[in-house]
PDB file of N, CA and C in Angstrom:
ATOM      1  N   MET A   1      -7.250  -8.219  16.110  1.00  0.00           N
ATOM      2  CA  MET A   1      -6.804  -7.329  15.028  1.00  0.00           C
ATOM      3  C   MET A   1      -5.155  -7.246  15.156  1.00  0.00           C
ATOM      4  N   ASN A   2      -4.687  -7.698  13.910  1.00  0.00           N
ATOM      5  CA  ASN A   2      -3.207  -7.417  13.490  1.00  0.00           C
ATOM      6  C   ASN A   2      -2.758  -6.400  12.710  1.00  0.00           C
ATOM      7  N   PRO A   3      -2.880  -4.912  13.371  1.00  0.00           N
ATOM      8  CA  PRO A   3      -2.680  -3.965  12.402  1.00  0.00           C
ATOM      9  C   PRO A   3      -1.283  -3.688  11.709  1.00  0.00           C
ATOM     10  N   VAL A   4      -1.200  -3.413  10.400  1.00  0.00           N
ATOM     11  CA  VAL A   4      -0.049  -3.345   9.681  1.00  0.00           C
ATOM     12  C   VAL A   4       0.061  -2.414   8.897  1.00  0.00           C
ATOM     13  N   LEU A   5       1.154  -1.960   8.357  1.00  0.00           N
ATOM     14  CA  LEU A   5       1.311  -0.940   7.150  1.00  0.00           C
ATOM     15  C   LEU A   5       1.938  -1.533   6.122  1.00  0.00           C
ATOM     16  N   ILE A   6       1.268  -1.433   4.753  1.00  0.00           N
ATOM     17  CA  ILE A   6       1.904  -1.963   3.778  1.00  0.00           C
ATOM     18  C   ILE A   6       2.425  -1.016   2.964  1.00  0.00           C
ATOM     19  N   TYR A   7       3.546  -1.070   2.582  1.00  0.00           N
ATOM     20  CA  TYR A   7       4.163   0.035   1.579  1.00  0.00           C
ATOM     21  C   TYR A   7       4.426  -0.426   0.029  1.00  0.00           C
ATOM     22  N   SER A   8       4.162   0.453  -0.878  1.00  0.00           N
ATOM     23  CA  SER A   8       4.279   0.326  -2.166  1.00  0.00           C
ATOM     24  C   SER A   8       4.440   1.495  -2.908  1.00  0.00           C
ATOM     25  N   THR A   9       4.798   1.306  -4.378  1.00  0.00           N
ATOM     26  CA  THR A   9       5.095   2.653  -4.924  1.00  0.00           C
ATOM     27  C   THR A   9       4.406   2.151  -6.316  1.00  0.00           C
ATOM     28  N   THR A  10       4.081   3.448  -7.061  1.00  0.00           N
ATOM     29  CA  THR A  10       3.535   3.478  -8.179  1.00  0.00           C
ATOM     30  C   THR A  10       4.091   4.456  -9.138  1.00  0.00           C
ATOM     31  N   ASP A  11       3.959   4.536 -10.390  1.00  0.00           N
ATOM     32  CA  ASP A  11       4.747   5.658 -11.173  1.00  0.00           C
ATOM     33  C   ASP A  11       3.775   6.700 -11.503  1.00  0.00           C
ATOM     34  N   SER A  12       2.457   6.641 -11.484  1.00  0.00           N
ATOM     35  CA  SER A  12       1.690   7.676 -11.514  1.00  0.00           C
ATOM     36  C   SER A  12       0.536   7.889 -10.463  1.00  0.00           C
ATOM     37  N   LEU A  13       0.008   9.167 -10.195  1.00  0.00           N
ATOM     38  CA  LEU A  13      -0.877   9.639  -9.236  1.00  0.00           C
ATOM     39  C   LEU A  13      -2.091   8.899  -9.548  1.00  0.00           C
ATOM     40  N   LYS A  14      -2.504   8.776 -10.788  1.00  0.00           N
ATOM     41  CA  LYS A  14      -3.680   8.122 -11.115  1.00  0.00           C
ATOM     42  C   LYS A  14      -3.852   6.721 -10.679  1.00  0.00           C
ATOM     43  N   GLU A  15      -2.827   5.986 -10.933  1.00  0.00           N
ATOM     44  CA  GLU A  15      -2.589   4.576 -10.512  1.00  0.00           C
ATOM     45  C   GLU A  15      -2.664   4.668  -9.003  1.00  0.00           C
ATOM     46  N   ALA A  16      -2.021   5.410  -8.357  1.00  0.00           N
ATOM     47  CA  ALA A  16      -2.121   5.470  -6.800  1.00  0.00           C
ATOM     48  C   ALA A  16      -3.284   5.805  -6.250  1.00  0.00           C
ATOM     49  N   ARG A  17      -4.080   6.504  -6.771  1.00  0.00           N
ATOM     50  CA  ARG A  17      -5.487   6.882  -6.509  1.00  0.00           C
ATOM     51  C   ARG A  17      -6.335   5.836  -6.807  1.00  0.00           C
ATOM     52  N   THR A  18      -6.306   5.099  -7.961  1.00  0.00           N
ATOM     53  CA  THR A  18      -7.170   3.977  -8.348  1.00  0.00           C
ATOM     54  C   THR A  18      -7.056   2.766  -7.329  1.00  0.00           C
ATOM     55  N   ILE A  19      -5.789   2.548  -6.963  1.00  0.00           N
ATOM     56  CA  ILE A  19      -5.443   1.429  -5.890  1.00  0.00           C
ATOM     57  C   ILE A  19      -5.927   1.957  -4.672  1.00  0.00           C
ATOM     58  N   GLY A  20      -5.750   3.112  -4.266  1.00  0.00           N
ATOM     59  CA  GLY A  20      -6.067   3.461  -2.903  1.00  0.00           C
ATOM     60  C   GLY A  20      -7.570   3.502  -2.808  1.00  0.00           C
ATOM     61  N   ASN A  21      -8.410   3.934  -3.633  1.00  0.00           N
ATOM     62  CA  ASN A  21      -9.764   3.891  -3.657  1.00  0.00           C
ATOM     63  C   ASN A  21     -10.455   2.508  -3.722  1.00  0.00           C
ATOM     64  N   GLU A  22      -9.715   1.558  -4.447  1.00  0.00           N
ATOM     65  CA  GLU A  22     -10.276   0.222  -4.623  1.00  0.00           C
ATOM     66  C   GLU A  22      -9.987  -0.593  -3.179  1.00  0.00           C
ATOM     67  N   LEU A  23      -8.844  -0.204  -2.532  1.00  0.00           N
ATOM     68  CA  LEU A  23      -8.652  -0.822  -1.164  1.00  0.00           C
ATOM     69  C   LEU A  23      -9.441  -0.234   0.072  1.00  0.00           C
ATOM     70  N   VAL A  24      -9.718   0.961  -0.120  1.00  0.00           N
ATOM     71  CA  VAL A  24     -10.540   1.529   0.981  1.00  0.00           C
ATOM     72  C   VAL A  24     -12.268   0.956   0.712  1.00  0.00           C
ATOM     73  N   LYS A  25     -12.604   1.251  -0.586  1.00  0.00           N
ATOM     74  CA  LYS A  25     -13.879   0.879  -1.073  1.00  0.00           C
ATOM     75  C   LYS A  25     -14.245  -0.504  -0.699  1.00  0.00           C
ATOM     76  N   ASN A  26     -13.384  -1.309  -0.899  1.00  0.00           N
ATOM     77  CA  ASN A  26     -13.266  -2.893  -0.629  1.00  0.00           C
ATOM     78  C   ASN A  26     -13.143  -3.089   0.736  1.00  0.00           C
ATOM     79  N   LYS A  27     -12.981  -2.380   1.635  1.00  0.00           N
ATOM     80  CA  LYS A  27     -12.693  -2.420   3.085  1.00  0.00           C
ATOM     81  C   LYS A  27     -11.273  -3.300   3.368  1.00  0.00           C
ATOM     82  N   LEU A  28     -10.514  -3.312   2.299  1.00  0.00           N
ATOM     83  CA  LEU A  28      -9.095  -4.011   2.506  1.00  0.00           C
ATOM     84  C   LEU A  28      -8.297  -3.146   3.214  1.00  0.00           C
ATOM     85  N   ALA A  29      -8.455  -1.784   3.312  1.00  0.00           N
ATOM     86  CA  ALA A  29      -7.512  -0.834   4.221  1.00  0.00           C
ATOM     87  C   ALA A  29      -8.389   0.146   4.751  1.00  0.00           C
ATOM     88  N   ALA A  30      -8.126   0.690   5.775  1.00  0.00           N
ATOM     89  CA  ALA A  30      -8.745   1.796   6.494  1.00  0.00           C
ATOM     90  C   ALA A  30      -8.422   3.133   6.152  1.00  0.00           C
ATOM     91  N   CYS A  31      -7.021   3.267   5.455  1.00  0.00           N
ATOM     92  CA  CYS A  31      -6.587   4.497   4.908  1.00  0.00           C
ATOM     93  C   CYS A  31      -5.382   4.137   4.130  1.00  0.00           C
ATOM     94  N   VAL A  32      -5.367   4.984   2.995  1.00  0.00           N
ATOM     95  CA  VAL A  32      -4.109   4.825   2.203  1.00  0.00           C
ATOM     96  C   VAL A  32      -3.577   6.299   1.974  1.00  0.00           C
ATOM     97  N   ASN A  33      -2.497   6.542   2.288  1.00  0.00           N
ATOM     98  CA  ASN A  33      -1.773   7.771   2.340  1.00  0.00           C
ATOM     99  C   ASN A  33      -1.021   7.686   1.010  1.00  0.00           C
ATOM    100  N   ILE A  34      -0.932   8.708   0.193  1.00  0.00           N
ATOM    101  CA  ILE A  34      -0.169   8.795  -1.191  1.00  0.00           C
ATOM    102  C   ILE A  34       0.721  10.091  -0.984  1.00  0.00           C
ATOM    103  N   ILE A  35       2.149   9.725  -0.918  1.00  0.00           N
ATOM    104  CA  ILE A  35       3.154  10.449  -0.842  1.00  0.00           C
ATOM    105  C   ILE A  35       3.937  10.686  -2.225  1.00  0.00           C
ATOM    106  N   PRO A  36       3.710  12.109  -2.873  1.00  0.00           N
ATOM    107  CA  PRO A  36       4.210  12.079  -4.062  1.00  0.00           C
ATOM    108  C   PRO A  36       5.828  12.573  -4.014  1.00  0.00           C
ATOM    109  N   ASN A  37       6.512  12.393  -5.149  1.00  0.00           N
ATOM    110  CA  ASN A  37       7.810  12.831  -5.509  1.00  0.00           C
ATOM    111  C   ASN A  37       8.760  11.928  -4.548  1.00  0.00           C
ATOM    112  N   VAL A  38       8.529  10.570  -4.483  1.00  0.00           N
ATOM    113  CA  VAL A  38       9.543   9.767  -3.881  1.00  0.00           C
ATOM    114  C   VAL A  38      10.546   9.499  -4.962  1.00  0.00           C
ATOM    115  N   GLU A  39      11.828   9.591  -4.659  1.00  0.00           N
ATOM    116  CA  GLU A  39      12.805   9.134  -5.726  1.00  0.00           C
ATOM    117  C   GLU A  39      13.459   7.860  -5.338  1.00  0.00           C
ATOM    118  N   SER A  40      13.312   6.962  -6.278  1.00  0.00           N
ATOM    119  CA  SER A  40      13.833   5.510  -6.104  1.00  0.00           C
ATOM    120  C   SER A  40      14.861   5.256  -7.004  1.00  0.00           C
ATOM    121  N   ILE A  41      16.050   4.411  -6.552  1.00  0.00           N
ATOM    122  CA  ILE A  41      17.008   4.089  -7.166  1.00  0.00           C
ATOM    123  C   ILE A  41      17.080   2.594  -6.892  1.00  0.00           C
ATOM    124  N   TYR A  42      16.993   1.859  -7.868  1.00  0.00           N
ATOM    125  CA  TYR A  42      17.027   0.206  -7.945  1.00  0.00           C
ATOM    126  C   TYR A  42      17.561  -0.236  -9.132  1.00  0.00           C
ATOM    127  N   ASN A  43      17.941  -1.541  -8.869  1.00  0.00           N
ATOM    128  CA  ASN A  43      18.303  -2.337 -10.285  1.00  0.00           C
ATOM    129  C   ASN A  43      17.106  -3.154 -10.845  1.00  0.00           C
ATOM    130  N   TRP A  44      16.986  -3.100 -11.920  1.00  0.00           N
ATOM    131  CA  TRP A  44      15.762  -3.924 -12.682  1.00  0.00           C
ATOM    132  C   TRP A  44      16.381  -4.416 -13.847  1.00  0.00           C
ATOM    133  N   GLN A  45      16.330  -5.762 -14.166  1.00  0.00           N
ATOM    134  CA  GLN A  45      16.606  -6.448 -15.156  1.00  0.00           C
ATOM    135  C   GLN A  45      18.260  -5.920 -15.708  1.00  0.00           C
ATOM    136  N   ASN A  46      19.103  -5.992 -14.633  1.00  0.00           N
ATOM    137  CA  ASN A  46      20.330  -5.708 -14.776  1.00  0.00           C
ATOM    138  C   ASN A  46      20.753  -4.324 -15.372  1.00  0.00           C
ATOM    139  N   GLU A  47      19.895  -3.427 -14.889  1.00  0.00           N
ATOM    140  CA  GLU A  47      20.126  -1.773 -15.562  1.00  0.00           C
ATOM    141  C   GLU A  47      19.732  -1.101 -14.135  1.00  0.00           C
ATOM    142  N   LEU A  48      20.480   0.035 -13.851  1.00  0.00           N
ATOM    143  CA  LEU A  48      20.330   0.832 -12.763  1.00  0.00           C
ATOM    144  C   LEU A  48      19.129   1.861 -13.271  1.00  0.00           C
ATOM    145  N   HIS A  49      18.057   2.102 -12.425  1.00  0.00           N
ATOM    146  CA  HIS A  49      16.940   2.866 -12.602  1.00  0.00           C
ATOM    147  C   HIS A  49      17.024   3.981 -11.618  1.00  0.00           C
ATOM    148  N   GLN A  50      16.707   5.263 -11.944  1.00  0.00           N
ATOM    149  CA  GLN A  50      16.319   6.189 -11.033  1.00  0.00           C
ATOM    150  C   GLN A  50      15.151   7.052 -11.382  1.00  0.00           C
ATOM    151  N   ASP A  51      14.080   6.656 -10.481  1.00  0.00           N
ATOM    152  CA  ASP A  51      12.719   7.246 -10.938  1.00  0.00           C
ATOM    153  C   ASP A  51      12.043   7.973  -9.949  1.00  0.00           C
ATOM    154  N   SER A  52      10.973   8.681 -10.347  1.00  0.00           N
ATOM    155  CA  SER A  52      10.310   9.680  -9.547  1.00  0.00           C
ATOM    156  C   SER A  52       8.875   8.592  -9.337  1.00  0.00           C
ATOM    157  N   GLU A  53       8.437   8.228  -8.253  1.00  0.00           N
ATOM    158  CA  GLU A  53       7.351   7.530  -7.679  1.00  0.00           C
ATOM    159  C   GLU A  53       6.599   7.936  -6.831  1.00  0.00           C
ATOM    160  N   PHE A  54       5.309   7.472  -6.500  1.00  0.00           N
ATOM    161  CA  PHE A  54       4.321   8.012  -5.499  1.00  0.00           C
ATOM    162  C   PHE A  54       4.369   6.595  -4.585  1.00  0.00           C
ATOM    163  N   LEU A  55       4.549   6.833  -3.230  1.00  0.00           N
ATOM    164  CA  LEU A  55       4.549   5.974  -2.318  1.00  0.00           C
ATOM    165  C   LEU A  55       3.089   5.955  -1.676  1.00  0.00           C
ATOM    166  N   LEU A  56       2.884   4.619  -1.462  1.00  0.00           N
ATOM    167  CA  LEU A  56       1.405   4.295  -0.938  1.00  0.00           C
ATOM    168  C   LEU A  56       1.679   3.601   0.396  1.00  0.00           C
ATOM    169  N   MET A  57       1.107   4.315   1.538  1.00  0.00           N
ATOM    170  CA  MET A  57       1.098   3.627   2.953  1.00  0.00           C
ATOM    171  C   MET A  57      -0.306   3.147   3.195  1.00  0.00           C
ATOM    172  N   ILE A  58      -0.500   1.848   3.279  1.00  0.00           N
ATOM    173  CA  ILE A  58      -1.671   1.209   3.291  1.00  0.00           C
ATOM    174  C   ILE A  58      -1.733   0.647   4.778  1.00  0.00           C
ATOM    175  N   LYS A  59      -3.012   1.276   5.475  1.00  0.00           N
ATOM    176  CA  LYS A  59      -2.903   0.913   6.904  1.00  0.00           C
ATOM    177  C   LYS A  59      -4.304  -0.187   7.030  1.00  0.00           C
ATOM    178  N   THR A  60      -3.834  -1.557   7.439  1.00  0.00           N
ATOM    179  CA  THR A  60      -4.898  -2.457   7.301  1.00  0.00           C
ATOM    180  C   THR A  60      -4.573  -3.507   8.242  1.00  0.00           C
ATOM    181  N   ASP A  61      -5.167  -4.825   8.085  1.00  0.00           N
ATOM    182  CA  ASP A  61      -4.860  -5.907   8.927  1.00  0.00           C
ATOM    183  C   ASP A  61      -4.263  -6.914   8.078  1.00  0.00           C
ATOM    184  N   ALA A  62      -3.163  -7.607   8.893  1.00  0.00           N
ATOM    185  CA  ALA A  62      -2.488  -8.673   8.179  1.00  0.00           C
ATOM    186  C   ALA A  62      -3.144  -9.431   7.594  1.00  0.00           C
ATOM    187  N   LYS A  63      -4.389  -9.898   8.081  1.00  0.00           N
ATOM    188  CA  LYS A  63      -5.125 -11.027   7.439  1.00  0.00           C
ATOM    189  C   LYS A  63      -5.709 -10.550   5.923  1.00  0.00           C
ATOM    190  N   PHE A  64      -5.415  -9.539   5.610  1.00  0.00           N
ATOM    191  CA  PHE A  64      -5.793  -9.052   4.101  1.00  0.00           C
ATOM    192  C   PHE A  64      -4.773  -8.825   3.137  1.00  0.00           C
ATOM    193  N   LYS A  65      -3.516  -9.510   3.726  1.00  0.00           N
ATOM    194  CA  LYS A  65      -2.380  -9.217   3.004  1.00  0.00           C
ATOM    195  C   LYS A  65      -2.582 -10.081   1.507  1.00  0.00           C
ATOM    196  N   ASN A  66      -3.177 -11.375   1.561  1.00  0.00           N
ATOM    197  CA  ASN A  66      -3.326 -11.980   0.213  1.00  0.00           C
ATOM    198  C   ASN A  66      -4.246 -11.413  -0.656  1.00  0.00           C
ATOM    199  N   ASP A  67      -5.306 -10.851   0.031  1.00  0.00           N
ATOM    200  CA  ASP A  67      -6.341 -10.055  -0.801  1.00  0.00           C
ATOM    201  C   ASP A  67      -5.776  -8.718  -1.488  1.00  0.00           C
ATOM    202  N   ILE A  68      -4.999  -8.128  -0.728  1.00  0.00           N
ATOM    203  CA  ILE A  68      -4.376  -6.778  -1.208  1.00  0.00           C
ATOM    204  C   ILE A  68      -3.212  -7.326  -2.390  1.00  0.00           C
ATOM    205  N   GLN A  69      -2.713  -8.502  -2.089  1.00  0.00           N
ATOM    206  CA  GLN A  69      -1.642  -8.826  -3.081  1.00  0.00           C
ATOM    207  C   GLN A  69      -2.397  -9.294  -4.484  1.00  0.00           C
ATOM    208  N   ASN A  70      -3.372  -9.802  -4.330  1.00  0.00           N
ATOM    209  CA  ASN A  70      -4.264 -10.368  -5.585  1.00  0.00           C
ATOM    210  C   ASN A  70      -4.741  -9.199  -6.141  1.00  0.00           C
ATOM    211  N   MET A  71      -5.237  -8.024  -5.509  1.00  0.00           N
ATOM    212  CA  MET A  71      -5.708  -6.865  -5.986  1.00  0.00           C
ATOM    213  C   MET A  71      -4.540  -6.126  -6.770  1.00  0.00           C
ATOM    214  N   PHE A  72      -3.344  -6.192  -6.359  1.00  0.00           N
ATOM    215  CA  PHE A  72      -2.057  -5.478  -6.741  1.00  0.00           C
ATOM    216  C   PHE A  72      -1.650  -6.147  -8.187  1.00  0.00           C
ATOM    217  N   GLU A  73      -1.761  -7.679  -8.111  1.00  0.00           N
ATOM    218  CA  GLU A  73      -1.475  -8.338  -9.316  1.00  0.00           C
ATOM    219  C   GLU A  73      -2.529  -7.872 -10.712  1.00  0.00           C
ATOM    220  N   LYS A  74      -3.805  -7.729 -10.060  1.00  0.00           N
ATOM    221  CA  LYS A  74      -4.758  -7.254 -11.169  1.00  0.00           C
ATOM    222  C   LYS A  74      -4.699  -5.921 -11.758  1.00  0.00           C
ATOM    223  N   ASN A  75      -4.343  -4.933 -10.747  1.00  0.00           N
ATOM    224  CA  ASN A  75      -4.620  -3.513 -10.952  1.00  0.00           C
ATOM    225  C   ASN A  75      -3.049  -2.893 -11.148  1.00  0.00           C
ATOM    226  N   HIS A  76      -1.993  -3.286 -10.867  1.00  0.00           N
ATOM    227  CA  HIS A  76      -0.800  -2.571 -10.916  1.00  0.00           C
ATOM    228  C   HIS A  76      -0.041  -2.684 -11.881  1.00  0.00           C
ATOM    229  N   SER A  77       0.532  -1.547 -12.500  1.00  0.00           N
ATOM    230  CA  SER A  77       1.296  -1.715 -13.828  1.00  0.00           C
ATOM    231  C   SER A  77       2.713  -2.260 -13.917  1.00  0.00           C
ATOM    232  N   TYR A  78       3.122  -2.135 -12.666  1.00  0.00           N
ATOM    233  CA  TYR A  78       4.357  -2.982 -12.678  1.00  0.00           C
ATOM    234  C   TYR A  78       4.471  -4.576 -12.687  1.00  0.00           C
ATOM    235  N   ASP A  79       5.548  -5.195 -13.237  1.00  0.00           N
ATOM    236  CA  ASP A  79       5.787  -6.389 -13.390  1.00  0.00           C
ATOM    237  C   ASP A  79       5.774  -7.234 -11.931  1.00  0.00           C
ATOM    238  N   LEU A  80       6.658  -6.457 -11.019  1.00  0.00           N
ATOM    239  CA  LEU A  80       6.711  -6.773  -9.800  1.00  0.00           C
ATOM    240  C   LEU A  80       6.659  -5.591  -8.791  1.00  0.00           C
ATOM    241  N   PRO A  81       5.337  -5.393  -8.483  1.00  0.00           N
ATOM    242  CA  PRO A  81       4.999  -4.237  -7.256  1.00  0.00           C
ATOM    243  C   PRO A  81       5.656  -4.615  -6.044  1.00  0.00           C
ATOM    244  N   GLU A  82       5.992  -3.592  -5.478  1.00  0.00           N
ATOM    245  CA  GLU A  82       6.546  -3.615  -4.064  1.00  0.00           C
ATOM    246  C   GLU A  82       5.444  -3.838  -3.313  1.00  0.00           C
ATOM    247  N   LEU A  83       5.499  -4.668  -2.233  1.00  0.00           N
ATOM    248  CA  LEU A  83       4.620  -4.783  -0.970  1.00  0.00           C
ATOM    249  C   LEU A  83       5.428  -5.131   0.079  1.00  0.00           C
ATOM    250  N   ILE A  84       5.625  -4.429   0.954  1.00  0.00           N
ATOM    251  CA  ILE A  84       6.487  -4.441   2.208  1.00  0.00           C
ATOM    252  C   ILE A  84       5.442  -4.325   3.451  1.00  0.00           C
ATOM    253  N   MET A  85       5.530  -5.453   4.107  1.00  0.00           N
ATOM    254  CA  MET A  85       4.494  -5.091   5.313  1.00  0.00           C
ATOM    255  C   MET A  85       5.335  -5.123   6.508  1.00  0.00           C
ATOM    256  N   VAL A  86       4.680  -4.098   7.307  1.00  0.00           N
ATOM    257  CA  VAL A  86       5.545  -3.790   8.594  1.00  0.00           C
ATOM    258  C   VAL A  86       4.411  -3.720   9.660  1.00  0.00           C
ATOM    259  N   ASN A  87       4.596  -4.652  10.771  1.00  0.00           N
ATOM    260  CA  ASN A  87       3.693  -4.576  11.943  1.00  0.00           C
ATOM    261  C   ASN A  87       3.575  -3.266  12.525  1.00  0.00           C
ATOM    262  N   ILE A  88       2.487  -2.804  13.001  1.00  0.00           N
ATOM    263  CA  ILE A  88       2.374  -1.810  13.882  1.00  0.00           C
ATOM    264  C   ILE A  88       2.343  -1.972  15.345  1.00  0.00           C
ATOM    265  N   GLN A  89       3.695  -1.802  15.955  1.00  0.00           N
ATOM    266  CA  GLN A  89       3.873  -2.117  17.121  1.00  0.00           C
ATOM    267  C   GLN A  89       2.928  -1.347  18.351  1.00  0.00           C
ATOM    268  N   ASP A  90       2.641  -0.091  18.009  1.00  0.00           N
ATOM    269  CA  ASP A  90       2.120   0.569  18.917  1.00  0.00           C
ATOM    270  C   ASP A  90       1.105   1.695  18.251  1.00  0.00           C
ATOM    271  N   SER A  91       0.017   2.120  18.765  1.00  0.00           N
ATOM    272  CA  SER A  91      -0.916   3.220  18.311  1.00  0.00           C
ATOM    273  C   SER A  91      -2.014   3.398  19.389  1.00  0.00           C
ATOM    274  N   SER A  92      -2.413   4.572  19.262  1.00  0.00           N
ATOM    275  CA  SER A  92      -3.443   4.819  20.124  1.00  0.00           C
ATOM    276  C   SER A  92      -4.752   3.716  20.107  1.00  0.00           C
ATOM    277  N   ALA A  93      -5.358   3.442  21.021  1.00  0.00           N
ATOM    278  CA  ALA A  93      -6.694   2.444  21.327  1.00  0.00           C
ATOM    279  C   ALA A  93      -7.516   2.927  20.412  1.00  0.00           C
ATOM    280  N   ALA A  94      -7.727   4.408  20.357  1.00  0.00           N
ATOM    281  CA  ALA A  94      -8.868   4.964  19.449  1.00  0.00           C
ATOM    282  C   ALA A  94      -8.519   4.653  17.997  1.00  0.00           C
ATOM    283  N   TYR A  95      -7.303   4.867  17.572  1.00  0.00           N
ATOM    284  CA  TYR A  95      -7.116   4.801  16.299  1.00  0.00           C
ATOM    285  C   TYR A  95      -7.296   3.411  15.786  1.00  0.00           C
ATOM    286  N   LEU A  96      -6.528   2.474  16.613  1.00  0.00           N
ATOM    287  CA  LEU A  96      -6.902   1.175  16.202  1.00  0.00           C
ATOM    288  C   LEU A  96      -8.117   0.655  16.139  1.00  0.00           C
ATOM    289  N   ARG A  97      -9.133   1.072  17.169  1.00  0.00           N
ATOM    290  CA  ARG A  97     -10.520   0.914  16.936  1.00  0.00           C
ATOM    291  C   ARG A  97     -11.133   1.145  15.662  1.00  0.00           C
ATOM    292  N   TRP A  98     -10.763   2.604  15.260  1.00  0.00           N
ATOM    293  CA  TRP A  98     -11.198   3.077  14.127  1.00  0.00           C
ATOM    294  C   TRP A  98     -10.712   2.323  12.717  1.00  0.00           C
ATOM    295  N   MET A  99      -9.423   2.013  12.817  1.00  0.00           N
ATOM    296  CA  MET A  99      -9.269   1.118  11.833  1.00  0.00           C
ATOM    297  C   MET A  99      -9.921  -0.248  11.625  1.00  0.00           C
ATOM    298  N   GLN A 100     -10.267  -1.024  12.828  1.00  0.00           N
ATOM    299  CA  GLN A 100     -11.049  -1.946  12.804  1.00  0.00           C
ATOM    300  C   GLN A 100     -12.309  -1.912  12.295  1.00  0.00           C
ATOM    301  N   GLU A 101     -12.943  -0.635  12.536  1.00  0.00           N
ATOM    302  CA  GLU A 101     -14.361  -0.320  12.149  1.00  0.00           C
ATOM    303  C   GLU A 101     -14.372  -0.043  10.665  1.00  0.00           C
ATOM    304  N   ASN A 102     -13.142   0.185  10.012  1.00  0.00           N
ATOM    305  CA  ASN A 102     -13.205   0.735   8.583  1.00  0.00           C
ATOM    306  C   ASN A 102     -12.608  -0.276   7.702  1.00  0.00           C
ATOM    307  N   ILE A 103     -12.534  -1.574   8.228  1.00  0.00           N
ATOM    308  CA  ILE A 103     -11.983  -2.610   7.288  1.00  0.00           C
ATOM    309  C   ILE A 103     -12.670  -4.009   7.489  1.00  0.00           C
ATOM    310  N   GLY A 104     -12.676  -4.933   6.715  1.00  0.00           N
ATOM    311  CA  GLY A 104     -13.242  -6.175   6.791  1.00  0.00           C
ATOM    312  C   GLY A 104     -14.446  -6.268   6.369  1.00  0.00           C
TER     313      GLY A 104
END
């Protein structure tokens, strides 16, 4: 197993929950945390934006990256959804076993 966290954002709680439920139901993620009220400042199409968003922390295996990306392309409302993958360098063996039992 190659455990990773994938970070993404969305502009609504409904969409965050829909994506989270799809990922867990289809065993593409062991867990998805939804963190509300994230303030994002970014440039998009040569304009400065400042928006309130919902952050998704997706706990998964790196081998599902392409499947997750395809699911986002079909279900996410943004033209360019954020998908940032970070390797989990260390965790408890018990938690990693739980992750592995709940994905794939």
